[in-house]
Structure formats: structure tokens, C-alpha cells
């Protein structure tokens, strides 16, 4: 039986092929633990691209695990890229989402590439979703899946999605990094102010100030 591939390790491996990564010092925020829930966070400056965040959470004595990978491109005009994986016993959930934070509309070439990735996951069971305030920003090429016995396919789809996205990033010219970083900042600030499942949970456990640092500074790489 195939094991779940750690998303953070996969992302770092892919990026290191063509990019220099510099790990950022997150201080005490790198490990937070309370009420049986533990959050471990890593963040990296990715030369020529932007910011990478890897967050891992464990709860229920390890029976529940969550991994999040965020790639916030500020030097290339690409969508904000997010992979979430949640494992509760044998049930796995995987979200691969692209948020429209670009300066210019996506090219047909990029959209077609992302459609191909989504098509490769078509046979996996869909995850039901509830309305969220940021639904309008999530591009239709995103996907959400949930099932038991899907580990191998989830591994393949997440690796294909991340590798394809990074390869596209490398082929693009640099963009206006100040304007692009402002787009990322705007999304991160609104996520903190309007909330989301993970943001709300962290705020409840560790307070609003810590939640803001984790989301705005560490997850999305916004510099104050």
C-alpha cells in the first residue's frame, strides 16, 4: 500500500531543481501546540519566483493530519497556488486551488495546462464544498477530491500539479514585483479579516495576532 507523499518535501524537491531556496526564521511561530493540536510551519524565499510556505498539523494523537503548501509568486505573474491535504484515519481530502491574484488575465496556454492536470484527476471522487467568501477568486481549473484508497492517485496529481505550475513559472518573464506583492497582500489581509476554516481555528487556539502572522507573514510571505 502506497504511503502519502509529504507535500512540503515534494515541493522543496521540485523547486530546488532550478531555484535557490533560503529558509526564513519564523521564531516561536515555527512550532505551535495547544489542546492536542500541533502546527509546524516552514517558509522559504524562492529566488526568481516568490515565497513558499509549508504547514503541517497533527491532532487526535496523530489520527488527523493536515498539510498545506502555498506558493505565492511575486516575481512572476501567476495565480496564487495552494495545495491542502487532510488525512483522518483512512479518509483523505485533497484540494488543489489557484487564486486569481494576477496583474493580467491568465494566458490560454496556462489555463490549458491546468485543465490537463484537472482532467487527470477526473476519476477521483469529488469533495462536497460549502460556499466561501473567496469562491469568486478560485479559478475553475482548481479541484477538490475526497476518498478512501486514493493515496497513490493523490500523490500523482499533487506532484503533477506542482511540477507543471513551476515549469510554467520558469518560462515567464519577470513582472512588476511591487504590484504583484500588493495583490498577494490584499488577499492575505482579507483572508485574516473575513476568515476561513484554518484561520479561524488558529485564531481560536493562539489568538488573532498569532493567526495574522502565520497567514499574512509566513504563509503568504508579506513583508511588513
C-alpha atoms as a PDB file:
ATOM      1  CA  UNK A   1       0.000   0.000   0.000  1.00  0.00           C
ATOM      2  CA  UNK A   2       1.486   3.326  -1.072  1.00  0.00           C
ATOM      3  CA  UNK A   3       2.167   5.934   1.596  1.00  0.00           C
ATOM      4  CA  UNK A   4       1.121   9.574   1.383  1.00  0.00           C
ATOM      5  CA  UNK A   5       3.936  11.694  -0.037  1.00  0.00           C
ATOM      6  CA  UNK A   6       4.794  14.652   2.176  1.00  0.00           C
ATOM      7  CA  UNK A   7       3.710  17.693   0.149  1.00  0.00           C
ATOM      8  CA  UNK A   8       6.290  20.031   1.628  1.00  0.00           C
ATOM      9  CA  UNK A   9       9.189  17.708   0.848  1.00  0.00           C
ATOM     10  CA  UNK A  10       7.846  17.244  -2.676  1.00  0.00           C
ATOM     11  CA  UNK A  11       7.543  20.998  -3.267  1.00  0.00           C
ATOM     12  CA  UNK A  12      11.047  21.716  -1.978  1.00  0.00           C
ATOM     13  CA  UNK A  13      12.498  18.942  -4.106  1.00  0.00           C
ATOM     14  CA  UNK A  14      10.832  20.289  -7.260  1.00  0.00           C
ATOM     15  CA  UNK A  15      11.822  23.904  -6.620  1.00  0.00           C
ATOM     16  CA  UNK A  16      15.433  23.084  -5.797  1.00  0.00           C
ATOM     17  CA  UNK A  17      15.969  21.713  -9.301  1.00  0.00           C
ATOM     18  CA  UNK A  18      16.130  25.252 -10.725  1.00  0.00           C
ATOM     19  CA  UNK A  19      15.782  27.673  -7.813  1.00  0.00           C
ATOM     20  CA  UNK A  20      17.769  28.688  -4.768  1.00  0.00           C
ATOM     21  CA  UNK A  21      15.736  28.457  -1.556  1.00  0.00           C
ATOM     22  CA  UNK A  22      16.552  30.434   1.577  1.00  0.00           C
ATOM     23  CA  UNK A  23      14.741  29.264   4.699  1.00  0.00           C
ATOM     24  CA  UNK A  24      13.245  32.074   6.773  1.00  0.00           C
ATOM     25  CA  UNK A  25      13.453  32.304  10.563  1.00  0.00           C
ATOM     26  CA  UNK A  26       9.904  32.111  11.949  1.00  0.00           C
ATOM     27  CA  UNK A  27      10.944  32.186  15.591  1.00  0.00           C
ATOM     28  CA  UNK A  28       8.463  30.672  18.024  1.00  0.00           C
ATOM     29  CA  UNK A  29       5.816  30.534  15.290  1.00  0.00           C
ATOM     30  CA  UNK A  30       7.661  27.607  13.673  1.00  0.00           C
ATOM     31  CA  UNK A  31       6.067  25.260  16.225  1.00  0.00           C
ATOM     32  CA  UNK A  32       2.797  25.939  17.994  1.00  0.00           C
ATOM     33  CA  UNK A  33       0.959  23.435  20.173  1.00  0.00           C
ATOM     34  CA  UNK A  34      -2.209  23.596  22.244  1.00  0.00           C
ATOM     35  CA  UNK A  35      -5.167  21.385  23.179  1.00  0.00           C
ATOM     36  CA  UNK A  36      -3.680  18.367  21.400  1.00  0.00           C
ATOM     37  CA  UNK A  37      -3.126  20.227  18.127  1.00  0.00           C
ATOM     38  CA  UNK A  38       0.404  20.902  16.837  1.00  0.00           C
ATOM     39  CA  UNK A  39       1.301  23.206  13.939  1.00  0.00           C
ATOM     40  CA  UNK A  40       4.739  23.161  12.300  1.00  0.00           C
ATOM     41  CA  UNK A  41       5.495  25.855   9.728  1.00  0.00           C
ATOM     42  CA  UNK A  42       8.386  26.424   7.332  1.00  0.00           C
ATOM     43  CA  UNK A  43       8.814  29.323   4.914  1.00  0.00           C
ATOM     44  CA  UNK A  44      11.315  29.977   2.139  1.00  0.00           C
ATOM     45  CA  UNK A  45      12.267  32.796  -0.178  1.00  0.00           C
ATOM     46  CA  UNK A  46      12.403  31.266  -3.661  1.00  0.00           C
ATOM     47  CA  UNK A  47      14.893  33.105  -5.875  1.00  0.00           C
ATOM     48  CA  UNK A  48      13.323  34.449  -9.071  1.00  0.00           C
ATOM     49  CA  UNK A  49       9.825  33.333  -8.081  1.00  0.00           C
ATOM     50  CA  UNK A  50       8.500  34.397  -4.693  1.00  0.00           C
ATOM     51  CA  UNK A  51       7.545  32.725  -1.422  1.00  0.00           C
ATOM     52  CA  UNK A  52       6.933  29.114  -0.364  1.00  0.00           C
ATOM     53  CA  UNK A  53       5.189  28.076   2.845  1.00  0.00           C
ATOM     54  CA  UNK A  54       4.790  24.563   4.186  1.00  0.00           C
ATOM     55  CA  UNK A  55       2.488  23.964   7.144  1.00  0.00           C
ATOM     56  CA  UNK A  56       1.800  20.646   8.835  1.00  0.00           C
ATOM     57  CA  UNK A  57      -0.765  19.966  11.557  1.00  0.00           C
ATOM     58  CA  UNK A  58      -1.408  16.934  13.731  1.00  0.00           C
ATOM     59  CA  UNK A  59      -4.322  16.284  16.088  1.00  0.00           C
ATOM     60  CA  UNK A  60      -6.199  13.408  17.696  1.00  0.00           C
ATOM     61  CA  UNK A  61      -2.907  11.720  18.665  1.00  0.00           C
ATOM     62  CA  UNK A  62      -1.841  11.719  15.022  1.00  0.00           C
ATOM     63  CA  UNK A  63      -5.066  10.217  13.658  1.00  0.00           C
ATOM     64  CA  UNK A  64      -5.753  13.539  11.935  1.00  0.00           C
ATOM     65  CA  UNK A  65      -3.079  15.171   9.798  1.00  0.00           C
ATOM     66  CA  UNK A  66      -3.106  18.208   7.572  1.00  0.00           C
ATOM     67  CA  UNK A  67      -0.545  19.563   5.128  1.00  0.00           C
ATOM     68  CA  UNK A  68      -0.644  22.866   3.277  1.00  0.00           C
ATOM     69  CA  UNK A  69       1.718  24.140   0.600  1.00  0.00           C
ATOM     70  CA  UNK A  70       1.402  27.730  -0.623  1.00  0.00           C
ATOM     71  CA  UNK A  71       3.430  29.149  -3.487  1.00  0.00           C
ATOM     72  CA  UNK A  72       2.960  32.908  -3.720  1.00  0.00           C
ATOM     73  CA  UNK A  73       4.614  34.123  -6.895  1.00  0.00           C
ATOM     74  CA  UNK A  74       5.562  37.790  -6.641  1.00  0.00           C
ATOM     75  CA  UNK A  75       8.224  37.908  -9.350  1.00  0.00           C
ATOM     76  CA  UNK A  76       6.131  36.121 -11.996  1.00  0.00           C
ATOM     77  CA  UNK A  77       2.543  36.973 -12.913  1.00  0.00           C
ATOM     78  CA  UNK A  78       0.909  33.717 -11.861  1.00  0.00           C
ATOM     79  CA  UNK A  79      -2.097  32.776  -9.713  1.00  0.00           C
ATOM     80  CA  UNK A  80      -1.631  32.117  -6.031  1.00  0.00           C
ATOM     81  CA  UNK A  81      -1.144  28.348  -5.770  1.00  0.00           C
ATOM     82  CA  UNK A  82      -2.347  26.252  -2.833  1.00  0.00           C
ATOM     83  CA  UNK A  83      -2.408  22.514  -2.085  1.00  0.00           C
ATOM     84  CA  UNK A  84      -4.181  21.172   1.004  1.00  0.00           C
ATOM     85  CA  UNK A  85      -4.234  17.569   2.112  1.00  0.00           C
ATOM     86  CA  UNK A  86      -6.111  16.225   5.128  1.00  0.00           C
ATOM     87  CA  UNK A  87      -5.983  12.655   6.389  1.00  0.00           C
ATOM     88  CA  UNK A  88      -8.408  11.400   9.041  1.00  0.00           C
ATOM     89  CA  UNK A  89      -7.739   7.706   9.595  1.00  0.00           C
ATOM     90  CA  UNK A  90      -8.158   6.222   6.080  1.00  0.00           C
ATOM     91  CA  UNK A  91     -10.164   9.114   4.613  1.00  0.00           C
ATOM     92  CA  UNK A  92      -8.147  11.599   2.566  1.00  0.00           C
ATOM     93  CA  UNK A  93      -9.106  15.008   1.219  1.00  0.00           C
ATOM     94  CA  UNK A  94      -7.078  16.914  -1.353  1.00  0.00           C
ATOM     95  CA  UNK A  95      -7.590  20.462  -2.603  1.00  0.00           C
ATOM     96  CA  UNK A  96      -5.522  21.997  -5.397  1.00  0.00           C
ATOM     97  CA  UNK A  97      -6.564  25.605  -5.804  1.00  0.00           C
ATOM     98  CA  UNK A  98      -5.438  28.529  -7.941  1.00  0.00           C
ATOM     99  CA  UNK A  99      -6.476  32.006  -6.776  1.00  0.00           C
ATOM    100  CA  UNK A 100      -6.771  34.829  -9.288  1.00  0.00           C
ATOM    101  CA  UNK A 101      -4.237  37.315  -7.905  1.00  0.00           C
ATOM    102  CA  UNK A 102      -2.649  38.137 -11.246  1.00  0.00           C
ATOM    103  CA  UNK A 103      -1.908  41.529 -12.730  1.00  0.00           C
ATOM    104  CA  UNK A 104      -3.147  40.363 -16.134  1.00  0.00           C
ATOM    105  CA  UNK A 105      -5.615  37.589 -17.078  1.00  0.00           C
ATOM    106  CA  UNK A 106      -4.262  34.039 -17.340  1.00  0.00           C
ATOM    107  CA  UNK A 107      -2.967  33.061 -20.747  1.00  0.00           C
ATOM    108  CA  UNK A 108      -4.787  30.327 -22.668  1.00  0.00           C
ATOM    109  CA  UNK A 109      -1.571  28.302 -22.534  1.00  0.00           C
ATOM    110  CA  UNK A 110      -1.526  28.332 -18.733  1.00  0.00           C
ATOM    111  CA  UNK A 111      -5.242  27.593 -18.442  1.00  0.00           C
ATOM    112  CA  UNK A 112      -4.971  24.661 -20.848  1.00  0.00           C
ATOM    113  CA  UNK A 113      -2.080  23.229 -18.847  1.00  0.00           C
ATOM    114  CA  UNK A 114      -4.075  23.467 -15.613  1.00  0.00           C
ATOM    115  CA  UNK A 115      -7.123  21.909 -17.308  1.00  0.00           C
ATOM    116  CA  UNK A 116      -4.996  18.916 -18.296  1.00  0.00           C
ATOM    117  CA  UNK A 117      -3.896  18.429 -14.685  1.00  0.00           C
ATOM    118  CA  UNK A 118      -7.510  18.623 -13.513  1.00  0.00           C
ATOM    119  CA  UNK A 119      -8.613  16.138 -16.188  1.00  0.00           C
ATOM    120  CA  UNK A 120      -6.122  13.584 -14.864  1.00  0.00           C
ATOM    121  CA  UNK A 121      -7.965  13.677 -11.531  1.00  0.00           C
ATOM    122  CA  UNK A 122     -11.406  13.278 -13.103  1.00  0.00           C
ATOM    123  CA  UNK A 123     -11.796   9.678 -11.945  1.00  0.00           C
ATOM    124  CA  UNK A 124     -11.323  10.556  -8.272  1.00  0.00           C
ATOM    125  CA  UNK A 125     -14.391  11.173  -6.083  1.00  0.00           C
ATOM    126  CA  UNK A 126     -15.310  14.848  -5.725  1.00  0.00           C
ATOM    127  CA  UNK A 127     -15.382  16.635  -2.400  1.00  0.00           C
ATOM    128  CA  UNK A 128     -18.584  18.459  -1.495  1.00  0.00           C
ATOM    129  CA  UNK A 129     -17.981  22.121  -0.796  1.00  0.00           C
ATOM    130  CA  UNK A 130     -19.776  24.850   1.113  1.00  0.00           C
ATOM    131  CA  UNK A 131     -19.847  28.477  -0.052  1.00  0.00           C
ATOM    132  CA  UNK A 132     -16.848  30.604   0.963  1.00  0.00           C
ATOM    133  CA  UNK A 133     -16.255  34.328   0.554  1.00  0.00           C
ATOM    134  CA  UNK A 134     -13.252  33.724  -1.715  1.00  0.00           C
ATOM    135  CA  UNK A 135     -15.041  31.391  -4.138  1.00  0.00           C
ATOM    136  CA  UNK A 136     -15.030  34.123  -6.807  1.00  0.00           C
ATOM    137  CA  UNK A 137     -11.222  34.160  -6.730  1.00  0.00           C
ATOM    138  CA  UNK A 138     -10.816  30.387  -7.085  1.00  0.00           C
ATOM    139  CA  UNK A 139     -10.212  29.558 -10.724  1.00  0.00           C
ATOM    140  CA  UNK A 140     -12.385  26.847 -12.358  1.00  0.00           C
ATOM    141  CA  UNK A 141      -9.272  24.750 -13.068  1.00  0.00           C
ATOM    142  CA  UNK A 142      -8.989  24.090  -9.307  1.00  0.00           C
ATOM    143  CA  UNK A 143     -10.083  20.752  -7.881  1.00  0.00           C
ATOM    144  CA  UNK A 144     -11.283  19.177  -4.656  1.00  0.00           C
ATOM    145  CA  UNK A 145     -11.300  15.409  -4.061  1.00  0.00           C
ATOM    146  CA  UNK A 146     -12.082  13.103  -1.131  1.00  0.00           C
ATOM    147  CA  UNK A 147     -11.968   9.341  -0.772  1.00  0.00           C
ATOM    148  CA  UNK A 148     -10.517   6.180   0.735  1.00  0.00           C
ATOM    149  CA  UNK A 149      -7.850   4.211  -1.087  1.00  0.00           C
ATOM    150  CA  UNK A 150      -6.812   7.197  -3.232  1.00  0.00           C
ATOM    151  CA  UNK A 151      -3.326   7.730  -1.838  1.00  0.00           C
ATOM    152  CA  UNK A 152      -1.371   6.811  -4.960  1.00  0.00           C
ATOM    153  CA  UNK A 153      -3.538   8.957  -7.230  1.00  0.00           C
ATOM    154  CA  UNK A 154      -3.466  11.897  -4.802  1.00  0.00           C
ATOM    155  CA  UNK A 155       0.337  11.680  -4.752  1.00  0.00           C
ATOM    156  CA  UNK A 156       0.486  11.672  -8.549  1.00  0.00           C
ATOM    157  CA  UNK A 157      -1.934  14.553  -9.033  1.00  0.00           C
ATOM    158  CA  UNK A 158      -0.314  16.826  -6.444  1.00  0.00           C
ATOM    159  CA  UNK A 159       3.157  16.232  -7.896  1.00  0.00           C
ATOM    160  CA  UNK A 160       1.932  16.785 -11.459  1.00  0.00           C
ATOM    161  CA  UNK A 161       0.115  19.979 -10.475  1.00  0.00           C
ATOM    162  CA  UNK A 162       3.076  21.463  -8.629  1.00  0.00           C
ATOM    163  CA  UNK A 163       5.686  20.442 -11.208  1.00  0.00           C
ATOM    164  CA  UNK A 164       3.606  21.784 -14.099  1.00  0.00           C
ATOM    165  CA  UNK A 165       2.971  25.064 -12.318  1.00  0.00           C
ATOM    166  CA  UNK A 166       6.644  25.636 -11.508  1.00  0.00           C
ATOM    167  CA  UNK A 167       7.703  24.763 -15.064  1.00  0.00           C
ATOM    168  CA  UNK A 168       5.278  27.386 -16.369  1.00  0.00           C
ATOM    169  CA  UNK A 169       6.608  29.931 -13.894  1.00  0.00           C
ATOM    170  CA  UNK A 170      10.146  29.386 -15.125  1.00  0.00           C
ATOM    171  CA  UNK A 171       9.117  30.149 -18.709  1.00  0.00           C
ATOM    172  CA  UNK A 172       7.590  33.548 -17.907  1.00  0.00           C
ATOM    173  CA  UNK A 173       9.393  36.893 -17.862  1.00  0.00           C
ATOM    174  CA  UNK A 174       9.649  38.844 -14.580  1.00  0.00           C
ATOM    175  CA  UNK A 175       6.655  41.005 -13.676  1.00  0.00           C
ATOM    176  CA  UNK A 176       6.183  44.173 -11.610  1.00  0.00           C
ATOM    177  CA  UNK A 177       7.078  42.581  -8.277  1.00  0.00           C
ATOM    178  CA  UNK A 178       5.814  45.512  -6.178  1.00  0.00           C
ATOM    179  CA  UNK A 179       2.374  45.457  -7.777  1.00  0.00           C
ATOM    180  CA  UNK A 180       2.227  41.649  -7.633  1.00  0.00           C
ATOM    181  CA  UNK A 181       3.211  41.581  -3.956  1.00  0.00           C
ATOM    182  CA  UNK A 182       0.400  44.045  -3.257  1.00  0.00           C
ATOM    183  CA  UNK A 183      -2.081  41.638  -4.861  1.00  0.00           C
ATOM    184  CA  UNK A 184      -0.870  38.865  -2.542  1.00  0.00           C
ATOM    185  CA  UNK A 185      -1.005  41.197   0.469  1.00  0.00           C
ATOM    186  CA  UNK A 186      -4.587  42.175  -0.334  1.00  0.00           C
ATOM    187  CA  UNK A 187      -5.711  38.539  -0.460  1.00  0.00           C
ATOM    188  CA  UNK A 188      -3.847  37.607   2.747  1.00  0.00           C
ATOM    189  CA  UNK A 189      -5.238  40.580   4.692  1.00  0.00           C
ATOM    190  CA  UNK A 190      -8.778  39.829   3.545  1.00  0.00           C
ATOM    191  CA  UNK A 191      -8.385  36.171   4.491  1.00  0.00           C
ATOM    192  CA  UNK A 192      -7.457  37.213   8.023  1.00  0.00           C
ATOM    193  CA  UNK A 193     -10.254  39.766   8.308  1.00  0.00           C
ATOM    194  CA  UNK A 194     -13.013  37.647   6.747  1.00  0.00           C
ATOM    195  CA  UNK A 195     -11.788  34.277   7.968  1.00  0.00           C
ATOM    196  CA  UNK A 196     -11.616  30.702   6.787  1.00  0.00           C
ATOM    197  CA  UNK A 197     -11.653  27.269   8.496  1.00  0.00           C
ATOM    198  CA  UNK A 198      -7.904  27.077   9.188  1.00  0.00           C
ATOM    199  CA  UNK A 199      -7.527  30.774  10.018  1.00  0.00           C
ATOM    200  CA  UNK A 200     -10.433  30.661  12.460  1.00  0.00           C
ATOM    201  CA  UNK A 201      -9.036  27.554  14.173  1.00  0.00           C
ATOM    202  CA  UNK A 202      -5.577  29.078  14.632  1.00  0.00           C
ATOM    203  CA  UNK A 203      -7.065  32.337  15.933  1.00  0.00           C
ATOM    204  CA  UNK A 204      -9.194  30.429  18.421  1.00  0.00           C
ATOM    205  CA  UNK A 205      -6.198  28.461  19.706  1.00  0.00           C
ATOM    206  CA  UNK A 206      -3.414  31.030  19.656  1.00  0.00           C
ATOM    207  CA  UNK A 207      -5.059  34.430  19.302  1.00  0.00           C
ATOM    208  CA  UNK A 208      -5.688  36.864  16.471  1.00  0.00           C
ATOM    209  CA  UNK A 209      -2.168  38.330  16.446  1.00  0.00           C
ATOM    210  CA  UNK A 210      -0.506  34.932  16.010  1.00  0.00           C
ATOM    211  CA  UNK A 211      -3.043  33.932  13.359  1.00  0.00           C
ATOM    212  CA  UNK A 212      -2.279  37.095  11.423  1.00  0.00           C
ATOM    213  CA  UNK A 213       1.478  36.445  11.496  1.00  0.00           C
ATOM    214  CA  UNK A 214       1.010  32.856  10.374  1.00  0.00           C
ATOM    215  CA  UNK A 215      -1.252  33.767   7.478  1.00  0.00           C
ATOM    216  CA  UNK A 216      -0.016  37.140   6.267  1.00  0.00           C
ATOM    217  CA  UNK A 217       3.711  36.931   7.004  1.00  0.00           C
ATOM    218  CA  UNK A 218       4.553  33.228   6.996  1.00  0.00           C
ATOM    219  CA  UNK A 219       2.003  31.631   4.688  1.00  0.00           C
ATOM    220  CA  UNK A 220       1.890  34.351   2.027  1.00  0.00           C
ATOM    221  CA  UNK A 221       5.272  35.972   2.605  1.00  0.00           C
ATOM    222  CA  UNK A 222       4.045  39.535   3.103  1.00  0.00           C
ATOM    223  CA  UNK A 223       6.792  41.798   4.420  1.00  0.00           C
ATOM    224  CA  UNK A 224       5.616  44.472   6.859  1.00  0.00           C
END
